[in-house]
Amino acid sequence: MTLHNNLNEIVRRLASTNAVVLFSTSGDCMCTVAKRLLLGLGVAPVTIELDHHVAGPDIQAAVFQLAGGRQQPIPAVFVGGKFLGGIETLLACHINGTLVPLHKDAGALWL
C-alpha cells in the first residue's frame, strides 16, 4: 500500500470515527472563520492543522480526493463521516439553517 493510499484511509477513518473533523491551516483567515463558527455553535471538531504536519500537503491531497476533486477544500469539513464542503458550504448551511441539524444528526450537538 502506498503512502497516498495510507493517507486516504487515515483521513477516511478519521472522518468516520469523529462527529466533525476540520482540516485547516493555522494562518488562513477562512480556516479561522470555520473554527470560530463551529466552536460558537458548541461543536468541538477534531482539527487537523495541515501546516503542522510534515505530510500536510499529502494529507491535503487525500482530502481533495475524498472530496471528489470538486474543489481545493481547505478548510475542509467532514460531518458524520461525510465531506460537507469548504467554507462556502459551511457558511451556506449555517445561513440556511441546516448546519445545526447536521451536527445534531452526527452526534456533535445534543441540544
PDB file of N, CA and C in Angstrom:
ATOM      1  N   MET A   1       0.854  -1.175   0.000  1.00  0.00           N
ATOM      2  CA  MET A   1       0.000   0.000   0.000  1.00  0.00           C
ATOM      3  C   MET A   1       0.900   1.239   0.000  1.00  0.00           C
ATOM      4  N   THR A   2       0.605   2.208  -0.852  1.00  0.00           N
ATOM      5  CA  THR A   2       1.430   3.406  -0.958  1.00  0.00           C
ATOM      6  C   THR A   2       1.081   4.399   0.140  1.00  0.00           C
ATOM      7  N   LEU A   3       1.961   5.381   0.305  1.00  0.00           N
ATOM      8  CA  LEU A   3       1.722   6.436   1.300  1.00  0.00           C
ATOM      9  C   LEU A   3       0.408   7.144   1.022  1.00  0.00           C
ATOM     10  N   HIS A   4       0.146   7.424  -0.260  1.00  0.00           N
ATOM     11  CA  HIS A   4      -1.086   8.134  -0.616  1.00  0.00           C
ATOM     12  C   HIS A   4      -2.320   7.316  -0.237  1.00  0.00           C
ATOM     13  N   ASN A   5      -2.296   6.015  -0.514  1.00  0.00           N
ATOM     14  CA  ASN A   5      -3.420   5.154  -0.140  1.00  0.00           C
ATOM     15  C   ASN A   5      -3.572   5.079   1.373  1.00  0.00           C
ATOM     16  N   ASN A   6      -2.443   5.018   2.089  1.00  0.00           N
ATOM     17  CA  ASN A   6      -2.492   5.018   3.552  1.00  0.00           C
ATOM     18  C   ASN A   6      -3.120   6.297   4.075  1.00  0.00           C
ATOM     19  N   LEU A   7      -2.734   7.442   3.508  1.00  0.00           N
ATOM     20  CA  LEU A   7      -3.288   8.720   3.959  1.00  0.00           C
ATOM     21  C   LEU A   7      -4.769   8.816   3.635  1.00  0.00           C
ATOM     22  N   ASN A   8      -5.172   8.315   2.471  1.00  0.00           N
ATOM     23  CA  ASN A   8      -6.601   8.291   2.152  1.00  0.00           C
ATOM     24  C   ASN A   8      -7.366   7.505   3.203  1.00  0.00           C
ATOM     25  N   GLU A   9      -6.838   6.358   3.578  1.00  0.00           N
ATOM     26  CA  GLU A   9      -7.502   5.518   4.579  1.00  0.00           C
ATOM     27  C   GLU A   9      -7.510   6.201   5.947  1.00  0.00           C
ATOM     28  N   ILE A  10      -6.416   6.853   6.302  1.00  0.00           N
ATOM     29  CA  ILE A  10      -6.345   7.561   7.588  1.00  0.00           C
ATOM     30  C   ILE A  10      -7.370   8.690   7.625  1.00  0.00           C
ATOM     31  N   VAL A  11      -7.452   9.475   6.557  1.00  0.00           N
ATOM     32  CA  VAL A  11      -8.423  10.575   6.500  1.00  0.00           C
ATOM     33  C   VAL A  11      -9.834  10.020   6.548  1.00  0.00           C
ATOM     34  N   ARG A  12     -10.098   8.979   5.794  1.00  0.00           N
ATOM     35  CA  ARG A  12     -11.426   8.363   5.772  1.00  0.00           C
ATOM     36  C   ARG A  12     -11.804   7.847   7.169  1.00  0.00           C
ATOM     37  N   ARG A  13     -10.877   7.177   7.824  1.00  0.00           N
ATOM     38  CA  ARG A  13     -11.134   6.631   9.160  1.00  0.00           C
ATOM     39  C   ARG A  13     -11.338   7.755  10.175  1.00  0.00           C
ATOM     40  N   LEU A  14     -10.523   8.792  10.093  1.00  0.00           N
ATOM     41  CA  LEU A  14     -10.651   9.939  10.990  1.00  0.00           C
ATOM     42  C   LEU A  14     -12.026  10.578  10.846  1.00  0.00           C
ATOM     43  N   ALA A  15     -12.458  10.756   9.606  1.00  0.00           N
ATOM     44  CA  ALA A  15     -13.767  11.365   9.356  1.00  0.00           C
ATOM     45  C   ALA A  15     -14.912  10.481   9.815  1.00  0.00           C
ATOM     46  N   SER A  16     -14.764   9.177   9.676  1.00  0.00           N
ATOM     47  CA  SER A  16     -15.866   8.281  10.016  1.00  0.00           C
ATOM     48  C   SER A  16     -15.960   7.969  11.504  1.00  0.00           C
ATOM     49  N   THR A  17     -14.897   8.215  12.262  1.00  0.00           N
ATOM     50  CA  THR A  17     -14.918   7.894  13.691  1.00  0.00           C
ATOM     51  C   THR A  17     -15.077   9.120  14.582  1.00  0.00           C
ATOM     52  N   ASN A  18     -15.247  10.290  13.978  1.00  0.00           N
ATOM     53  CA  ASN A  18     -15.460  11.521  14.732  1.00  0.00           C
ATOM     54  C   ASN A  18     -16.657  12.254  14.151  1.00  0.00           C
ATOM     55  N   ALA A  19     -17.434  12.887  15.010  1.00  0.00           N
ATOM     56  CA  ALA A  19     -18.639  13.575  14.546  1.00  0.00           C
ATOM     57  C   ALA A  19     -18.308  14.683  13.558  1.00  0.00           C
ATOM     58  N   VAL A  20     -17.290  15.486  13.871  1.00  0.00           N
ATOM     59  CA  VAL A  20     -16.899  16.595  12.998  1.00  0.00           C
ATOM     60  C   VAL A  20     -15.380  16.664  12.951  1.00  0.00           C
ATOM     61  N   VAL A  21     -14.857  16.737  11.730  1.00  0.00           N
ATOM     62  CA  VAL A  21     -13.417  16.870  11.520  1.00  0.00           C
ATOM     63  C   VAL A  21     -13.194  18.068  10.615  1.00  0.00           C
ATOM     64  N   LEU A  22     -12.248  18.901  11.004  1.00  0.00           N
ATOM     65  CA  LEU A  22     -11.899  20.092  10.237  1.00  0.00           C
ATOM     66  C   LEU A  22     -10.433  20.016   9.845  1.00  0.00           C
ATOM     67  N   PHE A  23     -10.170  20.024   8.559  1.00  0.00           N
ATOM     68  CA  PHE A  23      -8.800  20.114   8.054  1.00  0.00           C
ATOM     69  C   PHE A  23      -8.555  21.580   7.763  1.00  0.00           C
ATOM     70  N   SER A  24      -7.479  22.107   8.337  1.00  0.00           N
ATOM     71  CA  SER A  24      -7.271  23.542   8.380  1.00  0.00           C
ATOM     72  C   SER A  24      -5.791  23.872   8.238  1.00  0.00           C
ATOM     73  N   THR A  25      -5.504  25.148   8.051  1.00  0.00           N
ATOM     74  CA  THR A  25      -4.146  25.660   8.201  1.00  0.00           C
ATOM     75  C   THR A  25      -4.214  26.798   9.215  1.00  0.00           C
ATOM     76  N   SER A  26      -3.200  26.904  10.029  1.00  0.00           N
ATOM     77  CA  SER A  26      -3.262  27.801  11.186  1.00  0.00           C
ATOM     78  C   SER A  26      -3.293  29.280  10.833  1.00  0.00           C
ATOM     79  N   GLY A  27      -2.748  29.680   9.707  1.00  0.00           N
ATOM     80  CA  GLY A  27      -2.686  31.103   9.399  1.00  0.00           C
ATOM     81  C   GLY A  27      -3.734  31.599   8.432  1.00  0.00           C
ATOM     82  N   ASP A  28      -4.630  30.737   7.996  1.00  0.00           N
ATOM     83  CA  ASP A  28      -5.613  31.107   6.983  1.00  0.00           C
ATOM     84  C   ASP A  28      -6.853  31.710   7.628  1.00  0.00           C
ATOM     85  N   CYS A  29      -7.274  32.871   7.127  1.00  0.00           N
ATOM     86  CA  CYS A  29      -8.416  33.551   7.743  1.00  0.00           C
ATOM     87  C   CYS A  29      -9.717  32.780   7.571  1.00  0.00           C
ATOM     88  N   MET A  30      -9.905  32.107   6.444  1.00  0.00           N
ATOM     89  CA  MET A  30     -11.135  31.335   6.244  1.00  0.00           C
ATOM     90  C   MET A  30     -11.176  30.113   7.159  1.00  0.00           C
ATOM     91  N   CYS A  31     -10.017  29.560   7.449  1.00  0.00           N
ATOM     92  CA  CYS A  31      -9.955  28.456   8.413  1.00  0.00           C
ATOM     93  C   CYS A  31     -10.330  28.951   9.803  1.00  0.00           C
ATOM     94  N   THR A  32      -9.882  30.146  10.139  1.00  0.00           N
ATOM     95  CA  THR A  32     -10.233  30.747  11.430  1.00  0.00           C
ATOM     96  C   THR A  32     -11.735  30.973  11.511  1.00  0.00           C
ATOM     97  N   VAL A  33     -12.347  31.439  10.431  1.00  0.00           N
ATOM     98  CA  VAL A  33     -13.798  31.636  10.393  1.00  0.00           C
ATOM     99  C   VAL A  33     -14.514  30.307  10.634  1.00  0.00           C
ATOM    100  N   ALA A  34     -14.059  29.255   9.965  1.00  0.00           N
ATOM    101  CA  ALA A  34     -14.684  27.935  10.131  1.00  0.00           C
ATOM    102  C   ALA A  34     -14.574  27.464  11.577  1.00  0.00           C
ATOM    103  N   LYS A  35     -13.382  27.590  12.160  1.00  0.00           N
ATOM    104  CA  LYS A  35     -13.181  27.153  13.548  1.00  0.00           C
ATOM    105  C   LYS A  35     -14.087  27.932  14.494  1.00  0.00           C
ATOM    106  N   ARG A  36     -14.125  29.250  14.330  1.00  0.00           N
ATOM    107  CA  ARG A  36     -14.937  30.075  15.237  1.00  0.00           C
ATOM    108  C   ARG A  36     -16.424  29.805  15.087  1.00  0.00           C
ATOM    109  N   LEU A  37     -16.866  29.580  13.862  1.00  0.00           N
ATOM    110  CA  LEU A  37     -18.280  29.267  13.655  1.00  0.00           C
ATOM    111  C   LEU A  37     -18.643  27.965  14.356  1.00  0.00           C
ATOM    112  N   LEU A  38     -17.845  26.934  14.133  1.00  0.00           N
ATOM    113  CA  LEU A  38     -18.136  25.643  14.752  1.00  0.00           C
ATOM    114  C   LEU A  38     -18.080  25.726  16.273  1.00  0.00           C
ATOM    115  N   LEU A  39     -17.041  26.345  16.796  1.00  0.00           N
ATOM    116  CA  LEU A  39     -16.928  26.479  18.251  1.00  0.00           C
ATOM    117  C   LEU A  39     -18.051  27.334  18.819  1.00  0.00           C
ATOM    118  N   GLY A  40     -18.458  28.374  18.084  1.00  0.00           N
ATOM    119  CA  GLY A  40     -19.564  29.230  18.525  1.00  0.00           C
ATOM    120  C   GLY A  40     -20.886  28.490  18.604  1.00  0.00           C
ATOM    121  N   LEU A  41     -21.048  27.471  17.784  1.00  0.00           N
ATOM    122  CA  LEU A  41     -22.260  26.644  17.827  1.00  0.00           C
ATOM    123  C   LEU A  41     -22.202  25.599  18.932  1.00  0.00           C
ATOM    124  N   GLY A  42     -21.026  25.443  19.541  1.00  0.00           N
ATOM    125  CA  GLY A  42     -20.860  24.431  20.572  1.00  0.00           C
ATOM    126  C   GLY A  42     -20.295  23.129  20.049  1.00  0.00           C
ATOM    127  N   VAL A  43     -19.816  23.145  18.815  1.00  0.00           N
ATOM    128  CA  VAL A  43     -19.225  21.960  18.203  1.00  0.00           C
ATOM    129  C   VAL A  43     -17.720  22.019  18.426  1.00  0.00           C
ATOM    130  N   ALA A  44     -17.154  20.940  18.911  1.00  0.00           N
ATOM    131  CA  ALA A  44     -15.704  20.858  19.118  1.00  0.00           C
ATOM    132  C   ALA A  44     -15.130  19.885  18.085  1.00  0.00           C
ATOM    133  N   PRO A  45     -14.794  20.391  16.893  1.00  0.00           N
ATOM    134  CA  PRO A  45     -14.307  19.478  15.862  1.00  0.00           C
ATOM    135  C   PRO A  45     -12.909  18.961  16.164  1.00  0.00           C
ATOM    136  N   VAL A  46     -12.619  17.777  15.684  1.00  0.00           N
ATOM    137  CA  VAL A  46     -11.235  17.322  15.650  1.00  0.00           C
ATOM    138  C   VAL A  46     -10.594  18.163  14.549  1.00  0.00           C
ATOM    139  N   THR A  47      -9.578  18.916  14.901  1.00  0.00           N
ATOM    140  CA  THR A  47      -8.959  19.836  13.949  1.00  0.00           C
ATOM    141  C   THR A  47      -7.559  19.372  13.612  1.00  0.00           C
ATOM    142  N   ILE A  48      -7.311  19.224  12.323  1.00  0.00           N
ATOM    143  CA  ILE A  48      -6.001  18.835  11.827  1.00  0.00           C
ATOM    144  C   ILE A  48      -5.401  20.054  11.133  1.00  0.00           C
ATOM    145  N   GLU A  49      -4.364  20.602  11.744  1.00  0.00           N
ATOM    146  CA  GLU A  49      -3.671  21.761  11.163  1.00  0.00           C
ATOM    147  C   GLU A  49      -2.620  21.232  10.185  1.00  0.00           C
ATOM    148  N   LEU A  50      -2.912  21.333   8.915  1.00  0.00           N
ATOM    149  CA  LEU A  50      -2.055  20.748   7.885  1.00  0.00           C
ATOM    150  C   LEU A  50      -0.648  21.329   7.883  1.00  0.00           C
ATOM    151  N   ASP A  51      -0.516  22.600   8.243  1.00  0.00           N
ATOM    152  CA  ASP A  51       0.807  23.223   8.243  1.00  0.00           C
ATOM    153  C   ASP A  51       1.645  22.808   9.452  1.00  0.00           C
ATOM    154  N   HIS A  52       1.094  22.011  10.336  1.00  0.00           N
ATOM    155  CA  HIS A  52       1.837  21.495  11.485  1.00  0.00           C
ATOM    156  C   HIS A  52       2.301  20.059  11.274  1.00  0.00           C
ATOM    157  N   HIS A  53       2.026  19.505  10.098  1.00  0.00           N
ATOM    158  CA  HIS A  53       2.389  18.121   9.792  1.00  0.00           C
ATOM    159  C   HIS A  53       3.355  18.075   8.620  1.00  0.00           C
ATOM    160  N   VAL A  54       4.361  17.241   8.743  1.00  0.00           N
ATOM    161  CA  VAL A  54       5.304  17.048   7.640  1.00  0.00           C
ATOM    162  C   VAL A  54       4.561  16.556   6.398  1.00  0.00           C
ATOM    163  N   ALA A  55       3.570  15.715   6.597  1.00  0.00           N
ATOM    164  CA  ALA A  55       2.797  15.163   5.479  1.00  0.00           C
ATOM    165  C   ALA A  55       1.601  16.040   5.116  1.00  0.00           C
ATOM    166  N   GLY A  56       1.578  17.278   5.575  1.00  0.00           N
ATOM    167  CA  GLY A  56       0.452  18.183   5.324  1.00  0.00           C
ATOM    168  C   GLY A  56       0.002  18.247   3.876  1.00  0.00           C
ATOM    169  N   PRO A  57       0.919  18.471   2.922  1.00  0.00           N
ATOM    170  CA  PRO A  57       0.494  18.504   1.517  1.00  0.00           C
ATOM    171  C   PRO A  57      -0.096  17.182   1.028  1.00  0.00           C
ATOM    172  N   ASP A  58       0.441  16.080   1.508  1.00  0.00           N
ATOM    173  CA  ASP A  58      -0.091  14.767   1.124  1.00  0.00           C
ATOM    174  C   ASP A  58      -1.466  14.533   1.751  1.00  0.00           C
ATOM    175  N   ILE A  59      -1.641  14.975   2.990  1.00  0.00           N
ATOM    176  CA  ILE A  59      -2.950  14.868   3.645  1.00  0.00           C
ATOM    177  C   ILE A  59      -3.961  15.722   2.889  1.00  0.00           C
ATOM    178  N   GLN A  60      -3.537  16.929   2.493  1.00  0.00           N
ATOM    179  CA  GLN A  60      -4.426  17.812   1.736  1.00  0.00           C
ATOM    180  C   GLN A  60      -4.834  17.160   0.414  1.00  0.00           C
ATOM    181  N   ALA A  61      -3.906  16.498  -0.247  1.00  0.00           N
ATOM    182  CA  ALA A  61      -4.232  15.794  -1.494  1.00  0.00           C
ATOM    183  C   ALA A  61      -5.235  14.671  -1.239  1.00  0.00           C
ATOM    184  N   ALA A  62      -5.093  13.964  -0.121  1.00  0.00           N
ATOM    185  CA  ALA A  62      -6.036  12.901   0.226  1.00  0.00           C
ATOM    186  C   ALA A  62      -7.422  13.485   0.496  1.00  0.00           C
ATOM    187  N   VAL A  63      -7.477  14.620   1.198  1.00  0.00           N
ATOM    188  CA  VAL A  63      -8.757  15.284   1.463  1.00  0.00           C
ATOM    189  C   VAL A  63      -9.404  15.698   0.147  1.00  0.00           C
ATOM    190  N   PHE A  64      -8.601  16.257  -0.760  1.00  0.00           N
ATOM    191  CA  PHE A  64      -9.104  16.679  -2.065  1.00  0.00           C
ATOM    192  C   PHE A  64      -9.704  15.495  -2.816  1.00  0.00           C
ATOM    193  N   GLN A  65      -9.026  14.365  -2.789  1.00  0.00           N
ATOM    194  CA  GLN A  65      -9.526  13.176  -3.478  1.00  0.00           C
ATOM    195  C   GLN A  65     -10.819  12.681  -2.835  1.00  0.00           C
ATOM    196  N   LEU A  66     -10.875  12.661  -1.496  1.00  0.00           N
ATOM    197  CA  LEU A  66     -12.084  12.207  -0.810  1.00  0.00           C
ATOM    198  C   LEU A  66     -13.242  13.177  -0.989  1.00  0.00           C
ATOM    199  N   ALA A  67     -12.918  14.434  -1.283  1.00  0.00           N
ATOM    200  CA  ALA A  67     -13.952  15.437  -1.543  1.00  0.00           C
ATOM    201  C   ALA A  67     -14.485  15.314  -2.964  1.00  0.00           C
ATOM    202  N   GLY A  68     -13.992  14.353  -3.695  1.00  0.00           N
ATOM    203  CA  GLY A  68     -14.466  14.147  -5.051  1.00  0.00           C
ATOM    204  C   GLY A  68     -13.779  15.036  -6.066  1.00  0.00           C
ATOM    205  N   GLY A  69     -12.701  15.696  -5.663  1.00  0.00           N
ATOM    206  CA  GLY A  69     -11.972  16.554  -6.580  1.00  0.00           C
ATOM    207  C   GLY A  69     -12.738  17.781  -7.028  1.00  0.00           C
ATOM    208  N   ARG A  70     -13.819  18.095  -6.314  1.00  0.00           N
ATOM    209  CA  ARG A  70     -14.666  19.224  -6.707  1.00  0.00           C
ATOM    210  C   ARG A  70     -13.992  20.561  -6.494  1.00  0.00           C
ATOM    211  N   GLN A  71     -13.191  20.657  -5.472  1.00  0.00           N
ATOM    212  CA  GLN A  71     -12.572  21.927  -5.109  1.00  0.00           C
ATOM    213  C   GLN A  71     -11.342  21.644  -4.274  1.00  0.00           C
ATOM    214  N   GLN A  72     -10.552  22.639  -4.054  1.00  0.00           N
ATOM    215  CA  GLN A  72      -9.426  22.509  -3.133  1.00  0.00           C
ATOM    216  C   GLN A  72      -9.964  22.936  -1.767  1.00  0.00           C
ATOM    217  N   PRO A  73     -10.463  21.992  -0.981  1.00  0.00           N
ATOM    218  CA  PRO A  73     -11.308  22.321   0.167  1.00  0.00           C
ATOM    219  C   PRO A  73     -10.555  22.577   1.475  1.00  0.00           C
ATOM    220  N   ILE A  74      -9.825  23.654   1.560  1.00  0.00           N
ATOM    221  CA  ILE A  74      -9.226  23.987   2.845  1.00  0.00           C
ATOM    222  C   ILE A  74      -9.720  25.373   3.218  1.00  0.00           C
ATOM    223  N   PRO A  75     -10.465  25.479   4.281  1.00  0.00           N
ATOM    224  CA  PRO A  75     -10.804  24.444   5.241  1.00  0.00           C
ATOM    225  C   PRO A  75     -11.733  23.395   4.631  1.00  0.00           C
ATOM    226  N   ALA A  76     -11.588  22.182   5.124  1.00  0.00           N
ATOM    227  CA  ALA A  76     -12.447  21.077   4.695  1.00  0.00           C
ATOM    228  C   ALA A  76     -13.152  20.531   5.921  1.00  0.00           C
ATOM    229  N   VAL A  77     -14.468  20.411   5.819  1.00  0.00           N
ATOM    230  CA  VAL A  77     -15.272  19.977   6.954  1.00  0.00           C
ATOM    231  C   VAL A  77     -15.951  18.651   6.611  1.00  0.00           C
ATOM    232  N   PHE A  78     -15.757  17.681   7.490  1.00  0.00           N
ATOM    233  CA  PHE A  78     -16.445  16.404   7.403  1.00  0.00           C
ATOM    234  C   PHE A  78     -17.402  16.328   8.590  1.00  0.00           C
ATOM    235  N   VAL A  79     -18.644  15.983   8.325  1.00  0.00           N
ATOM    236  CA  VAL A  79     -19.663  15.849   9.374  1.00  0.00           C
ATOM    237  C   VAL A  79     -20.297  14.470   9.241  1.00  0.00           C
ATOM    238  N   GLY A  80     -20.273  13.730  10.319  1.00  0.00           N
ATOM    239  CA  GLY A  80     -20.864  12.398  10.308  1.00  0.00           C
ATOM    240  C   GLY A  80     -20.221  11.464   9.296  1.00  0.00           C
ATOM    241  N   GLY A  81     -18.933  11.635   9.074  1.00  0.00           N
ATOM    242  CA  GLY A  81     -18.204  10.764   8.166  1.00  0.00           C
ATOM    243  C   GLY A  81     -18.276  11.152   6.704  1.00  0.00           C
ATOM    244  N   LYS A  82     -19.014  12.206   6.389  1.00  0.00           N
ATOM    245  CA  LYS A  82     -19.177  12.640   5.004  1.00  0.00           C
ATOM    246  C   LYS A  82     -18.583  14.027   4.807  1.00  0.00           C
ATOM    247  N   PHE A  83     -18.036  14.234   3.628  1.00  0.00           N
ATOM    248  CA  PHE A  83     -17.492  15.547   3.302  1.00  0.00           C
ATOM    249  C   PHE A  83     -18.633  16.533   3.144  1.00  0.00           C
ATOM    250  N   LEU A  84     -18.645  17.578   3.998  1.00  0.00           N
ATOM    251  CA  LEU A  84     -19.645  18.628   3.897  1.00  0.00           C
ATOM    252  C   LEU A  84     -19.227  19.639   2.844  1.00  0.00           C
ATOM    253  N   GLY A  85     -17.983  20.112   2.947  1.00  0.00           N
ATOM    254  CA  GLY A  85     -17.502  21.099   1.990  1.00  0.00           C
ATOM    255  C   GLY A  85     -16.480  22.012   2.620  1.00  0.00           C
ATOM    256  N   GLY A  86     -16.219  23.091   1.913  1.00  0.00           N
ATOM    257  CA  GLY A  86     -15.299  24.111   2.386  1.00  0.00           C
ATOM    258  C   GLY A  86     -16.050  25.221   3.085  1.00  0.00           C
ATOM    259  N   ILE A  87     -15.425  26.373   3.154  1.00  0.00           N
ATOM    260  CA  ILE A  87     -16.005  27.496   3.897  1.00  0.00           C
ATOM    261  C   ILE A  87     -17.327  27.963   3.295  1.00  0.00           C
ATOM    262  N   GLU A  88     -17.437  27.949   1.958  1.00  0.00           N
ATOM    263  CA  GLU A  88     -18.678  28.414   1.335  1.00  0.00           C
ATOM    264  C   GLU A  88     -19.862  27.539   1.726  1.00  0.00           C
ATOM    265  N   THR A  89     -19.663  26.246   1.690  1.00  0.00           N
ATOM    266  CA  THR A  89     -20.736  25.318   2.056  1.00  0.00           C
ATOM    267  C   THR A  89     -21.056  25.419   3.536  1.00  0.00           C
ATOM    268  N   LEU A  90     -20.032  25.526   4.362  1.00  0.00           N
ATOM    269  CA  LEU A  90     -20.238  25.653   5.806  1.00  0.00           C
ATOM    270  C   LEU A  90     -21.077  26.891   6.117  1.00  0.00           C
ATOM    271  N   LEU A  91     -20.719  28.017   5.524  1.00  0.00           N
ATOM    272  CA  LEU A  91     -21.470  29.256   5.763  1.00  0.00           C
ATOM    273  C   LEU A  91     -22.881  29.177   5.190  1.00  0.00           C
ATOM    274  N   ALA A  92     -23.029  28.590   4.011  1.00  0.00           N
ATOM    275  CA  ALA A  92     -24.356  28.450   3.408  1.00  0.00           C
ATOM    276  C   ALA A  92     -25.262  27.601   4.286  1.00  0.00           C
ATOM    277  N   CYS A  93     -24.736  26.505   4.813  1.00  0.00           N
ATOM    278  CA  CYS A  93     -25.526  25.655   5.708  1.00  0.00           C
ATOM    279  C   CYS A  93     -25.907  26.384   6.986  1.00  0.00           C
ATOM    280  N   HIS A  94     -24.999  27.205   7.479  1.00  0.00           N
ATOM    281  CA  HIS A  94     -25.295  27.991   8.672  1.00  0.00           C
ATOM    282  C   HIS A  94     -26.418  28.998   8.378  1.00  0.00           C
ATOM    283  N   ILE A  95     -26.312  29.686   7.262  1.00  0.00           N
ATOM    284  CA  ILE A  95     -27.291  30.714   6.904  1.00  0.00           C
ATOM    285  C   ILE A  95     -28.658  30.101   6.614  1.00  0.00           C
ATOM    286  N   ASN A  96     -28.688  28.955   5.917  1.00  0.00           N
ATOM    287  CA  ASN A  96     -29.993  28.389   5.569  1.00  0.00           C
ATOM    288  C   ASN A  96     -30.583  27.507   6.676  1.00  0.00           C
ATOM    289  N   GLY A  97     -29.871  27.381   7.799  1.00  0.00           N
ATOM    290  CA  GLY A  97     -30.416  26.683   8.956  1.00  0.00           C
ATOM    291  C   GLY A  97     -30.222  25.179   8.975  1.00  0.00           C
ATOM    292  N   THR A  98     -29.422  24.633   8.071  1.00  0.00           N
ATOM    293  CA  THR A  98     -29.234  23.185   8.040  1.00  0.00           C
ATOM    294  C   THR A  98     -28.004  22.711   8.806  1.00  0.00           C
ATOM    295  N   LEU A  99     -27.143  23.636   9.233  1.00  0.00           N
ATOM    296  CA  LEU A  99     -25.891  23.236   9.884  1.00  0.00           C
ATOM    297  C   LEU A  99     -26.128  22.604  11.253  1.00  0.00           C
ATOM    298  N   VAL A 100     -26.946  23.211  12.075  1.00  0.00           N
ATOM    299  CA  VAL A 100     -27.207  22.670  13.412  1.00  0.00           C
ATOM    300  C   VAL A 100     -27.851  21.282  13.331  1.00  0.00           C
ATOM    301  N   PRO A 101     -28.886  21.079  12.496  1.00  0.00           N
ATOM    302  CA  PRO A 101     -29.436  19.726  12.385  1.00  0.00           C
ATOM    303  C   PRO A 101     -28.415  18.692  11.900  1.00  0.00           C
ATOM    304  N   LEU A 102     -27.520  19.079  10.987  1.00  0.00           N
ATOM    305  CA  LEU A 102     -26.466  18.157  10.546  1.00  0.00           C
ATOM    306  C   LEU A 102     -25.587  17.731  11.716  1.00  0.00           C
ATOM    307  N   HIS A 103     -25.234  18.692  12.550  1.00  0.00           N
ATOM    308  CA  HIS A 103     -24.390  18.387  13.701  1.00  0.00           C
ATOM    309  C   HIS A 103     -25.135  17.559  14.741  1.00  0.00           C
ATOM    310  N   LYS A 104     -26.415  17.820  14.909  1.00  0.00           N
ATOM    311  CA  LYS A 104     -27.212  17.001  15.823  1.00  0.00           C
ATOM    312  C   LYS A 104     -27.277  15.562  15.341  1.00  0.00           C
ATOM    313  N   ASP A 105     -27.531  15.382  14.048  1.00  0.00           N
ATOM    314  CA  ASP A 105     -27.606  14.027  13.480  1.00  0.00           C
ATOM    315  C   ASP A 105     -26.292  13.289  13.601  1.00  0.00           C
ATOM    316  N   ALA A 106     -25.172  14.020  13.539  1.00  0.00           N
ATOM    317  CA  ALA A 106     -23.847  13.406  13.632  1.00  0.00           C
ATOM    318  C   ALA A 106     -23.423  13.147  15.075  1.00  0.00           C
ATOM    319  N   GLY A 107     -24.186  13.675  16.027  1.00  0.00           N
ATOM    320  CA  GLY A 107     -23.837  13.496  17.433  1.00  0.00           C
ATOM    321  C   GLY A 107     -22.874  14.537  17.965  1.00  0.00           C
ATOM    322  N   ALA A 108     -22.694  15.629  17.229  1.00  0.00           N
ATOM    323  CA  ALA A 108     -21.791  16.685  17.671  1.00  0.00           C
ATOM    324  C   ALA A 108     -22.492  17.709  18.565  1.00  0.00           C
ATOM    325  N   LEU A 109     -23.799  17.744  18.512  1.00  0.00           N
ATOM    326  CA  LEU A 109     -24.604  18.630  19.363  1.00  0.00           C
ATOM    327  C   LEU A 109     -25.725  17.816  19.967  1.00  0.00           C
ATOM    328  N   TRP A 110     -26.074  18.126  21.190  1.00  0.00           N
ATOM    329  CA  TRP A 110     -27.132  17.397  21.870  1.00  0.00           C
ATOM    330  C   TRP A 110     -28.333  18.273  22.181  1.00  0.00           C
ATOM    331  N   LEU A 111     -28.223  19.552  21.987  1.00  0.00           N
ATOM    332  CA  LEU A 111     -29.326  20.461  22.313  1.00  0.00           C
ATOM    333  C   LEU A 111     -30.268  20.660  21.171  1.00  0.00           C
TER     334      LEU A 111
END
